[in-house]
PDB file of N, CA and C in Angstrom:
ATOM      1  N   MET A   1     101.545  73.053  60.839  1.00  0.00           N
ATOM      2  CA  MET A   1     102.992  72.993  60.894  1.00  0.00           C
ATOM      3  C   MET A   1     103.554  74.234  61.583  1.00  0.00           C
ATOM      4  N   THR A   2     102.994  75.407  61.301  1.00  0.00           N
ATOM      5  CA  THR A   2     103.472  76.647  61.900  1.00  0.00           C
ATOM      6  C   THR A   2     103.230  76.658  63.408  1.00  0.00           C
ATOM      7  N   ARG A   3     102.142  76.052  63.851  1.00  0.00           N
ATOM      8  CA  ARG A   3     101.849  75.987  65.275  1.00  0.00           C
ATOM      9  C   ARG A   3     102.895  75.149  66.008  1.00  0.00           C
ATOM     10  N   PHE A   4     103.445  74.184  65.355  1.00  0.00           N
ATOM     11  CA  PHE A   4     104.439  73.311  65.966  1.00  0.00           C
ATOM     12  C   PHE A   4     105.836  73.943  65.959  1.00  0.00           C
ATOM     13  N   VAL A   5     106.180  74.657  64.901  1.00  0.00           N
ATOM     14  CA  VAL A   5     107.526  75.221  64.738  1.00  0.00           C
ATOM     15  C   VAL A   5     107.777  76.351  65.733  1.00  0.00           C
ATOM     16  N   THR A   6     106.820  77.215  65.948  1.00  0.00           N
ATOM     17  CA  THR A   6     107.010  78.359  66.837  1.00  0.00           C
ATOM     18  C   THR A   6     107.339  77.930  68.272  1.00  0.00           C
ATOM     19  N   PRO A   7     106.592  77.047  68.910  1.00  0.00           N
ATOM     20  CA  PRO A   7     106.964  76.636  70.268  1.00  0.00           C
ATOM     21  C   PRO A   7     108.310  75.904  70.323  1.00  0.00           C
ATOM     22  N   VAL A   8     108.624  75.141  69.287  1.00  0.00           N
ATOM     23  CA  VAL A   8     109.899  74.439  69.258  1.00  0.00           C
ATOM     24  C   VAL A   8     111.047  75.438  69.167  1.00  0.00           C
ATOM     25  N   LEU A   9     110.900  76.474  68.355  1.00  0.00           N
ATOM     26  CA  LEU A   9     111.935  77.501  68.243  1.00  0.00           C
ATOM     27  C   LEU A   9     112.103  78.267  69.551  1.00  0.00           C
ATOM     28  N   ILE A  10     111.020  78.569  70.200  1.00  0.00           N
ATOM     29  CA  ILE A  10     111.090  79.261  71.485  1.00  0.00           C
ATOM     30  C   ILE A  10     111.795  78.384  72.514  1.00  0.00           C
ATOM     31  N   ALA A  11     111.441  77.110  72.580  1.00  0.00           N
ATOM     32  CA  ALA A  11     112.076  76.199  73.526  1.00  0.00           C
ATOM     33  C   ALA A  11     113.561  76.028  73.224  1.00  0.00           C
ATOM     34  N   ALA A  12     113.909  75.943  71.953  1.00  0.00           N
ATOM     35  CA  ALA A  12     115.319  75.798  71.575  1.00  0.00           C
ATOM     36  C   ALA A  12     116.105  77.052  71.936  1.00  0.00           C
ATOM     37  N   THR A  13     115.514  78.211  71.743  1.00  0.00           N
ATOM     38  CA  THR A  13     116.185  79.464  72.089  1.00  0.00           C
ATOM     39  C   THR A  13     116.404  79.563  73.592  1.00  0.00           C
ATOM     40  N   LEU A  14     115.384  79.226  74.368  1.00  0.00           N
ATOM     41  CA  LEU A  14     115.519  79.257  75.824  1.00  0.00           C
ATOM     42  C   LEU A  14     116.574  78.264  76.302  1.00  0.00           C
ATOM     43  N   ALA A  15     116.616  77.095  75.714  1.00  0.00           N
ATOM     44  CA  ALA A  15     117.612  76.094  76.095  1.00  0.00           C
ATOM     45  C   ALA A  15     119.020  76.568  75.745  1.00  0.00           C
ATOM     46  N   ALA A  16     119.161  77.208  74.607  1.00  0.00           N
ATOM     47  CA  ALA A  16     120.477  77.702  74.190  1.00  0.00           C
ATOM     48  C   ALA A  16     120.959  78.825  75.095  1.00  0.00           C
ATOM     49  N   VAL A  17     120.046  79.658  75.541  1.00  0.00           N
ATOM     50  CA  VAL A  17     120.417  80.753  76.426  1.00  0.00           C
ATOM     51  C   VAL A  17     120.721  80.237  77.827  1.00  0.00           C
ATOM     52  N   ALA A  18     119.958  79.278  78.317  1.00  0.00           N
ATOM     53  CA  ALA A  18     120.119  78.792  79.686  1.00  0.00           C
ATOM     54  C   ALA A  18     121.319  77.879  79.852  1.00  0.00           C
ATOM     55  N   THR A  19     121.678  77.117  78.864  1.00  0.00           N
ATOM     56  CA  THR A  19     122.757  76.145  78.989  1.00  0.00           C
ATOM     57  C   THR A  19     124.108  76.787  79.317  1.00  0.00           C
ATOM     58  N   PRO A  20     124.565  77.838  78.620  1.00  0.00           N
ATOM     59  CA  PRO A  20     125.849  78.433  78.999  1.00  0.00           C
ATOM     60  C   PRO A  20     125.842  79.028  80.395  1.00  0.00           C
ATOM     61  N   SER A  21     124.723  79.624  80.818  1.00  0.00           N
ATOM     62  CA  SER A  21     124.681  80.203  82.156  1.00  0.00           C
ATOM     63  C   SER A  21     124.707  79.117  83.224  1.00  0.00           C
ATOM     64  N   LEU A  22     124.065  77.995  82.973  1.00  0.00           N
ATOM     65  CA  LEU A  22     124.118  76.889  83.924  1.00  0.00           C
ATOM     66  C   LEU A  22     125.516  76.299  83.989  1.00  0.00           C
ATOM     67  N   ALA A  23     126.167  76.170  82.861  1.00  0.00           N
ATOM     68  CA  ALA A  23     127.531  75.639  82.845  1.00  0.00           C
ATOM     69  C   ALA A  23     128.473  76.586  83.569  1.00  0.00           C
ATOM     70  N   GLN A  24     128.292  77.870  83.407  1.00  0.00           N
ATOM     71  CA  GLN A  24     129.138  78.846  84.072  1.00  0.00           C
ATOM     72  C   GLN A  24     128.968  78.781  85.584  1.00  0.00           C
ATOM     73  N   SER A  25     127.754  78.654  86.075  1.00  0.00           N
ATOM     74  CA  SER A  25     127.544  78.633  87.520  1.00  0.00           C
ATOM     75  C   SER A  25     128.118  77.376  88.149  1.00  0.00           C
ATOM     76  N   THR A  26     128.006  76.229  87.502  1.00  0.00           N
ATOM     77  CA  THR A  26     128.569  75.025  88.094  1.00  0.00           C
ATOM     78  C   THR A  26     130.086  75.041  88.029  1.00  0.00           C
ATOM     79  N   ARG A  27     130.649  75.609  86.982  1.00  0.00           N
ATOM     80  CA  ARG A  27     132.099  75.678  86.867  1.00  0.00           C
ATOM     81  C   ARG A  27     132.668  76.611  87.921  1.00  0.00           C
ATOM     82  N   SER A  28     132.034  77.758  88.165  1.00  0.00           N
ATOM     83  CA  SER A  28     132.560  78.704  89.139  1.00  0.00           C
ATOM     84  C   SER A  28     132.450  78.156  90.556  1.00  0.00           C
ATOM     85  N   GLN A  29     131.451  77.329  90.828  1.00  0.00           N
ATOM     86  CA  GLN A  29     131.322  76.750  92.158  1.00  0.00           C
ATOM     87  C   GLN A  29     132.385  75.693  92.405  1.00  0.00           C
ATOM     88  N   THR A  30     132.730  74.914  91.414  1.00  0.00           N
ATOM     89  CA  THR A  30     133.718  73.866  91.611  1.00  0.00           C
ATOM     90  C   THR A  30     135.137  74.380  91.462  1.00  0.00           C
ATOM     91  N   ALA A  31     135.332  75.530  90.829  1.00  0.00           N
ATOM     92  CA  ALA A  31     136.674  76.040  90.595  1.00  0.00           C
ATOM     93  C   ALA A  31     137.230  76.816  91.780  1.00  0.00           C
ATOM     94  N   GLN A  32     136.427  77.082  92.809  1.00  0.00           N
ATOM     95  CA  GLN A  32     136.902  77.827  93.960  1.00  0.00           C
ATOM     96  C   GLN A  32     137.520  76.879  94.976  1.00  0.00           C
ATOM     97  N   PRO A  33     138.851  76.792  95.039  1.00  0.00           N
ATOM     98  CA  PRO A  33     139.474  75.891  95.988  1.00  0.00           C
ATOM     99  C   PRO A  33     139.342  76.379  97.431  1.00  0.00           C
ATOM    100  N   ALA A  34     139.523  77.647  97.658  1.00  0.00           N
ATOM    101  CA  ALA A  34     139.403  78.199  99.003  1.00  0.00           C
ATOM    102  C   ALA A  34     138.883  79.620  98.888  1.00  0.00           C
ATOM    103  N   LYS A  35     138.038  79.993  99.818  1.00  0.00           N
ATOM    104  CA  LYS A  35     137.502  81.340  99.796  1.00  0.00           C
ATOM    105  C   LYS A  35     138.582  82.307 100.230  1.00  0.00           C
ATOM    106  N   LEU A  36     138.545  83.474  99.640  1.00  0.00           N
ATOM    107  CA  LEU A  36     139.498  84.494 100.006  1.00  0.00           C
ATOM    108  C   LEU A  36     139.089  85.142 101.319  1.00  0.00           C
ATOM    109  N   GLN A  37     140.045  85.727 101.959  1.00  0.00           N
ATOM    110  CA  GLN A  37     139.761  86.450 103.179  1.00  0.00           C
ATOM    111  C   GLN A  37     139.022  87.720 102.808  1.00  0.00           C
ATOM    112  N   SER A  38     137.868  87.940 103.393  1.00  0.00           N
ATOM    113  CA  SER A  38     137.114  89.143 103.066  1.00  0.00           C
ATOM    114  C   SER A  38     136.457  89.699 104.312  1.00  0.00           C
ATOM    115  N   VAL A  39     136.253  90.998 104.288  1.00  0.00           N
ATOM    116  CA  VAL A  39     135.565  91.684 105.368  1.00  0.00           C
ATOM    117  C   VAL A  39     134.462  92.523 104.762  1.00  0.00           C
ATOM    118  N   MET A  40     133.464  92.792 105.563  1.00  0.00           N
ATOM    119  CA  MET A  40     132.381  93.649 105.109  1.00  0.00           C
ATOM    120  C   MET A  40     131.926  94.526 106.263  1.00  0.00           C
ATOM    121  N   VAL A  41     131.409  95.679 105.927  1.00  0.00           N
ATOM    122  CA  VAL A  41     130.921  96.605 106.938  1.00  0.00           C
ATOM    123  C   VAL A  41     129.557  96.117 107.394  1.00  0.00           C
ATOM    124  N   CYS A  42     129.418  95.915 108.689  1.00  0.00           N
ATOM    125  CA  CYS A  42     128.161  95.439 109.261  1.00  0.00           C
ATOM    126  C   CYS A  42     127.742  96.350 110.402  1.00  0.00           C
ATOM    127  N   ALA A  43     126.457  96.553 110.531  1.00  0.00           N
ATOM    128  CA  ALA A  43     125.924  97.252 111.690  1.00  0.00           C
ATOM    129  C   ALA A  43     125.840  96.262 112.842  1.00  0.00           C
ATOM    130  N   THR A  44     125.657  96.762 114.027  1.00  0.00           N
ATOM    131  CA  THR A  44     125.619  95.880 115.193  1.00  0.00           C
ATOM    132  C   THR A  44     124.202  95.637 115.698  1.00  0.00           C
ATOM    133  N   ASP A  45     123.191  96.011 114.923  1.00  0.00           N
ATOM    134  CA  ASP A  45     121.816  95.823 115.367  1.00  0.00           C
ATOM    135  C   ASP A  45     121.339  94.392 115.115  1.00  0.00           C
ATOM    136  N   ALA A  46     120.215  94.051 115.719  1.00  0.00           N
ATOM    137  CA  ALA A  46     119.686  92.687 115.643  1.00  0.00           C
ATOM    138  C   ALA A  46     119.268  92.309 114.218  1.00  0.00           C
ATOM    139  N   ALA A  47     118.721  93.246 113.464  1.00  0.00           N
ATOM    140  CA  ALA A  47     118.280  92.948 112.097  1.00  0.00           C
ATOM    141  C   ALA A  47     119.470  92.577 111.207  1.00  0.00           C
ATOM    142  N   THR A  48     120.574  93.278 111.366  1.00  0.00           N
ATOM    143  CA  THR A  48     121.762  92.975 110.576  1.00  0.00           C
ATOM    144  C   THR A  48     122.320  91.611 110.950  1.00  0.00           C
ATOM    145  N   ARG A  49     122.324  91.305 112.231  1.00  0.00           N
ATOM    146  CA  ARG A  49     122.807  89.994 112.683  1.00  0.00           C
ATOM    147  C   ARG A  49     121.956  88.861 112.115  1.00  0.00           C
ATOM    148  N   ARG A  50     120.634  89.038 112.108  1.00  0.00           N
ATOM    149  CA  ARG A  50     119.753  88.017 111.546  1.00  0.00           C
ATOM    150  C   ARG A  50     119.982  87.859 110.044  1.00  0.00           C
ATOM    151  N   ALA A  51     120.134  88.971 109.342  1.00  0.00           N
ATOM    152  CA  ALA A  51     120.365  88.911 107.895  1.00  0.00           C
ATOM    153  C   ALA A  51     121.690  88.223 107.586  1.00  0.00           C
ATOM    154  N   TYR A  52     122.727  88.510 108.359  1.00  0.00           N
ATOM    155  CA  TYR A  52     124.022  87.872 108.146  1.00  0.00           C
ATOM    156  C   TYR A  52     123.913  86.373 108.399  1.00  0.00           C
ATOM    157  N   GLN A  53     123.222  86.018 109.473  1.00  0.00           N
ATOM    158  CA  GLN A  53     123.076  84.594 109.796  1.00  0.00           C
ATOM    159  C   GLN A  53     122.261  83.872 108.723  1.00  0.00           C
ATOM    160  N   ARG A  54     121.257  84.518 108.189  1.00  0.00           N
ATOM    161  CA  ARG A  54     120.469  83.911 107.121  1.00  0.00           C
ATOM    162  C   ARG A  54     121.314  83.730 105.865  1.00  0.00           C
ATOM    163  N   GLU A  55     122.168  84.692 105.554  1.00  0.00           N
ATOM    164  CA  GLU A  55     122.987  84.641 104.348  1.00  0.00           C
ATOM    165  C   GLU A  55     124.142  83.653 104.456  1.00  0.00           C
ATOM    166  N   PHE A  56     124.825  83.633 105.594  1.00  0.00           N
ATOM    167  CA  PHE A  56     126.043  82.838 105.710  1.00  0.00           C
ATOM    168  C   PHE A  56     125.933  81.647 106.667  1.00  0.00           C
ATOM    169  N   GLY A  57     124.821  81.495 107.373  1.00  0.00           N
ATOM    170  CA  GLY A  57     124.609  80.327 108.205  1.00  0.00           C
ATOM    171  C   GLY A  57     125.304  80.357 109.550  1.00  0.00           C
ATOM    172  N   ALA A  58     125.850  81.469 109.938  1.00  0.00           N
ATOM    173  CA  ALA A  58     126.510  81.591 111.233  1.00  0.00           C
ATOM    174  C   ALA A  58     126.372  83.028 111.715  1.00  0.00           C
ATOM    175  N   ALA A  59     126.573  83.215 112.996  1.00  0.00           N
ATOM    176  CA  ALA A  59     126.521  84.558 113.550  1.00  0.00           C
ATOM    177  C   ALA A  59     127.730  85.358 113.054  1.00  0.00           C
ATOM    178  N   PRO A  60     127.577  86.662 112.877  1.00  0.00           N
ATOM    179  CA  PRO A  60     128.703  87.462 112.389  1.00  0.00           C
ATOM    180  C   PRO A  60     129.836  87.514 113.414  1.00  0.00           C
ATOM    181  N   VAL A  61     131.059  87.491 112.911  1.00  0.00           N
ATOM    182  CA  VAL A  61     132.241  87.614 113.752  1.00  0.00           C
ATOM    183  C   VAL A  61     132.876  88.953 113.416  1.00  0.00           C
ATOM    184  N   PHE A  62     132.960  89.829 114.404  1.00  0.00           N
ATOM    185  CA  PHE A  62     133.514  91.155 114.194  1.00  0.00           C
ATOM    186  C   PHE A  62     135.017  91.129 114.453  1.00  0.00           C
ATOM    187  N   VAL A  63     135.767  91.782 113.595  1.00  0.00           N
ATOM    188  CA  VAL A  63     137.217  91.903 113.749  1.00  0.00           C
ATOM    189  C   VAL A  63     137.601  93.369 113.650  1.00  0.00           C
ATOM    190  N   THR A  64     138.753  93.680 114.197  1.00  0.00           N
ATOM    191  CA  THR A  64     139.286  95.024 114.068  1.00  0.00           C
ATOM    192  C   THR A  64     140.165  95.087 112.826  1.00  0.00           C
ATOM    193  N   ALA A  65     140.552  96.280 112.460  1.00  0.00           N
ATOM    194  CA  ALA A  65     141.418  96.452 111.299  1.00  0.00           C
ATOM    195  C   ALA A  65     142.758  95.754 111.529  1.00  0.00           C
ATOM    196  N   GLN A  66     143.294  95.880 112.727  1.00  0.00           N
ATOM    197  CA  GLN A  66     144.573  95.251 113.039  1.00  0.00           C
ATOM    198  C   GLN A  66     144.475  93.728 112.956  1.00  0.00           C
ATOM    199  N   GLU A  67     143.386  93.153 113.459  1.00  0.00           N
ATOM    200  CA  GLU A  67     143.196  91.702 113.384  1.00  0.00           C
ATOM    201  C   GLU A  67     143.087  91.227 111.939  1.00  0.00           C
ATOM    202  N   ALA A  68     142.428  92.006 111.101  1.00  0.00           N
ATOM    203  CA  ALA A  68     142.293  91.631 109.689  1.00  0.00           C
ATOM    204  C   ALA A  68     143.646  91.652 108.987  1.00  0.00           C
ATOM    205  N   VAL A  69     144.462  92.650 109.272  1.00  0.00           N
ATOM    206  CA  VAL A  69     145.785  92.732 108.659  1.00  0.00           C
ATOM    207  C   VAL A  69     146.662  91.572 109.134  1.00  0.00           C
ATOM    208  N   GLU A  70     146.618  91.276 110.430  1.00  0.00           N
ATOM    209  CA  GLU A  70     147.411  90.170 110.966  1.00  0.00           C
ATOM    210  C   GLU A  70     146.969  88.826 110.384  1.00  0.00           C
ATOM    211  N   ALA A  71     145.680  88.642 110.205  1.00  0.00           N
ATOM    212  CA  ALA A  71     145.166  87.396 109.626  1.00  0.00           C
ATOM    213  C   ALA A  71     145.609  87.261 108.175  1.00  0.00           C
ATOM    214  N   ARG A  72     145.625  88.362 107.451  1.00  0.00           N
ATOM    215  CA  ARG A  72     146.078  88.334 106.062  1.00  0.00           C
ATOM    216  C   ARG A  72     147.558  87.988 105.972  1.00  0.00           C
ATOM    217  N   GLN A  73     148.350  88.561 106.849  1.00  0.00           N
ATOM    218  CA  GLN A  73     149.787  88.285 106.860  1.00  0.00           C
ATOM    219  C   GLN A  73     150.071  86.831 107.246  1.00  0.00           C
ATOM    220  N   ALA A  74     149.220  86.263 108.100  1.00  0.00           N
ATOM    221  CA  ALA A  74     149.399  84.876 108.525  1.00  0.00           C
ATOM    222  C   ALA A  74     148.851  83.891 107.497  1.00  0.00           C
ATOM    223  N   GLY A  75     148.152  84.383 106.460  1.00  0.00           N
ATOM    224  CA  GLY A  75     147.594  83.514 105.432  1.00  0.00           C
ATOM    225  C   GLY A  75     146.316  82.820 105.863  1.00  0.00           C
ATOM    226  N   GLN A  76     145.644  83.365 106.833  1.00  0.00           N
ATOM    227  CA  GLN A  76     144.414  82.770 107.346  1.00  0.00           C
ATOM    228  C   GLN A  76     143.286  82.950 106.339  1.00  0.00           C
ATOM    229  N   ARG A  77     142.451  81.915 106.165  1.00  0.00           N
ATOM    230  CA  ARG A  77     141.286  81.959 105.277  1.00  0.00           C
ATOM    231  C   ARG A  77     140.019  81.783 106.111  1.00  0.00           C
ATOM    232  N   TRP A  78     138.972  82.473 105.686  1.00  0.00           N
ATOM    233  CA  TRP A  78     137.700  82.417 106.389  1.00  0.00           C
ATOM    234  C   TRP A  78     136.632  81.813 105.502  1.00  0.00           C
ATOM    235  N   ALA A  79     135.775  80.988 106.087  1.00  0.00           N
ATOM    236  CA  ALA A  79     134.679  80.384 105.328  1.00  0.00           C
ATOM    237  C   ALA A  79     133.602  81.419 105.004  1.00  0.00           C
ATOM    238  N   ALA A  80     133.403  82.369 105.894  1.00  0.00           N
ATOM    239  CA  ALA A  80     132.423  83.438 105.685  1.00  0.00           C
ATOM    240  C   ALA A  80     133.120  84.768 105.926  1.00  0.00           C
ATOM    241  N   PRO A  81     132.656  85.838 105.300  1.00  0.00           N
ATOM    242  CA  PRO A  81     133.292  87.141 105.518  1.00  0.00           C
ATOM    243  C   PRO A  81     133.196  87.568 106.972  1.00  0.00           C
ATOM    244  N   ARG A  82     134.199  88.236 107.434  1.00  0.00           N
ATOM    245  CA  ARG A  82     134.180  88.803 108.777  1.00  0.00           C
ATOM    246  C   ARG A  82     133.557  90.188 108.701  1.00  0.00           C
ATOM    247  N   CYS A  83     132.975  90.611 109.801  1.00  0.00           N
ATOM    248  CA  CYS A  83     132.342  91.926 109.861  1.00  0.00           C
ATOM    249  C   CYS A  83     133.239  92.896 110.605  1.00  0.00           C
ATOM    250  N   MET A  84     133.080  94.154 110.281  1.00  0.00           N
ATOM    251  CA  MET A  84     133.721  95.218 111.042  1.00  0.00           C
ATOM    252  C   MET A  84     132.866  96.461 110.942  1.00  0.00           C
ATOM    253  N   THR A  85     133.029  97.306 111.931  1.00  0.00           N
ATOM    254  CA  THR A  85     132.270  98.545 111.933  1.00  0.00           C
ATOM    255  C   THR A  85     132.822  99.464 110.846  1.00  0.00           C
ATOM    256  N   GLU A  86     132.080 100.496 110.542  1.00  0.00           N
ATOM    257  CA  GLU A  86     132.499 101.420 109.491  1.00  0.00           C
ATOM    258  C   GLU A  86     133.802 102.119 109.869  1.00  0.00           C
ATOM    259  N   ARG A  87     133.948 102.445 111.131  1.00  0.00           N
ATOM    260  CA  ARG A  87     135.177 103.102 111.588  1.00  0.00           C
ATOM    261  C   ARG A  87     136.384 102.173 111.435  1.00  0.00           C
ATOM    262  N   GLN A  88     136.223 100.899 111.799  1.00  0.00           N
ATOM    263  CA  GLN A  88     137.313  99.942 111.651  1.00  0.00           C
ATOM    264  C   GLN A  88     137.642  99.707 110.174  1.00  0.00           C
ATOM    265  N   TYR A  89     136.619  99.705 109.333  1.00  0.00           N
ATOM    266  CA  TYR A  89     136.861  99.528 107.903  1.00  0.00           C
ATOM    267  C   TYR A  89     137.671 100.700 107.344  1.00  0.00           C
ATOM    268  N   ASP A  90     137.356 101.922 107.777  1.00  0.00           N
ATOM    269  CA  ASP A  90     138.133 103.087 107.346  1.00  0.00           C
ATOM    270  C   ASP A  90     139.585 102.957 107.795  1.00  0.00           C
ATOM    271  N   ARG A  91     139.797 102.449 109.002  1.00  0.00           N
ATOM    272  CA  ARG A  91     141.164 102.220 109.484  1.00  0.00           C
ATOM    273  C   ARG A  91     141.875 101.171 108.633  1.00  0.00           C
ATOM    274  N   LEU A  92     141.151 100.116 108.272  1.00  0.00           N
ATOM    275  CA  LEU A  92     141.740  99.064 107.435  1.00  0.00           C
ATOM    276  C   LEU A  92     142.179  99.623 106.084  1.00  0.00           C
ATOM    277  N   VAL A  93     141.334 100.427 105.483  1.00  0.00           N
ATOM    278  CA  VAL A  93     141.666 101.020 104.188  1.00  0.00           C
ATOM    279  C   VAL A  93     142.878 101.921 104.319  1.00  0.00           C
ATOM    280  N   SER A  94     142.930 102.730 105.363  1.00  0.00           N
ATOM    281  CA  SER A  94     144.072 103.637 105.522  1.00  0.00           C
ATOM    282  C   SER A  94     145.348 102.881 105.854  1.00  0.00           C
ATOM    283  N   MET A  95     145.243 101.732 106.540  1.00  0.00           N
ATOM    284  CA  MET A  95     146.422 100.936 106.873  1.00  0.00           C
ATOM    285  C   MET A  95     146.985 100.239 105.643  1.00  0.00           C
ATOM    286  N   THR A  96     146.145  99.870 104.697  1.00  0.00           N
ATOM    287  CA  THR A  96     146.596  99.091 103.559  1.00  0.00           C
ATOM    288  C   THR A  96     146.909  99.921 102.327  1.00  0.00           C
ATOM    289  N   GLN A  97     146.659 101.211 102.363  1.00  0.00           N
ATOM    290  CA  GLN A  97     146.973 102.069 101.221  1.00  0.00           C
ATOM    291  C   GLN A  97     148.469 102.342 101.180  1.00  0.00           C
ATOM    292  N   THR A  98     149.003 102.354  99.990  1.00  0.00           N
ATOM    293  CA  THR A  98     150.408 102.697  99.818  1.00  0.00           C
ATOM    294  C   THR A  98     150.553 104.202  99.911  1.00  0.00           C
ATOM    295  N   ARG A  99     151.430 104.614 100.760  1.00  0.00           N
ATOM    296  CA  ARG A  99     151.641 106.051 100.938  1.00  0.00           C
ATOM    297  C   ARG A  99     152.588 106.577  99.853  1.00  0.00           C
ATOM    298  N   ALA A 100     152.290 107.729  99.325  1.00  0.00           N
ATOM    299  CA  ALA A 100     153.114 108.333  98.283  1.00  0.00           C
ATOM    300  C   ALA A 100     154.480 108.738  98.833  1.00  0.00           C
ATOM    301  N   SER A 101     154.544 109.056 100.103  1.00  0.00           N
ATOM    302  CA  SER A 101     155.800 109.518 100.681  1.00  0.00           C
ATOM    303  C   SER A 101     156.761 108.368 100.974  1.00  0.00           C
ATOM    304  N   LEU A 102     156.280 107.151 100.994  1.00  0.00           N
ATOM    305  CA  LEU A 102     157.165 106.030 101.320  1.00  0.00           C
ATOM    306  C   LEU A 102     157.980 105.591 100.156  1.00  0.00           C
TER     307      LEU A 102
END
């Protein structure tokens, strides 16, 4: 009897732990009506381009800080994050920060 109870308890515990996490992942996938506009810092080398394409299924599209701000103001949504260089990302952050003097 003890040989039977131990595996059943282990299986029940694993099922109890896995069920909420599975429910959470399916709910979060169906609850996203539209992806938010997002940018990420990307290098311009071939390895980064391949990794981006493997992750998102398309070649990276690079935007400038000004283009990202204009797209946000226009309400544009992107299926995959846009890339920008580190310098452009710094410009984006400085453009969108609220200035204390204003």
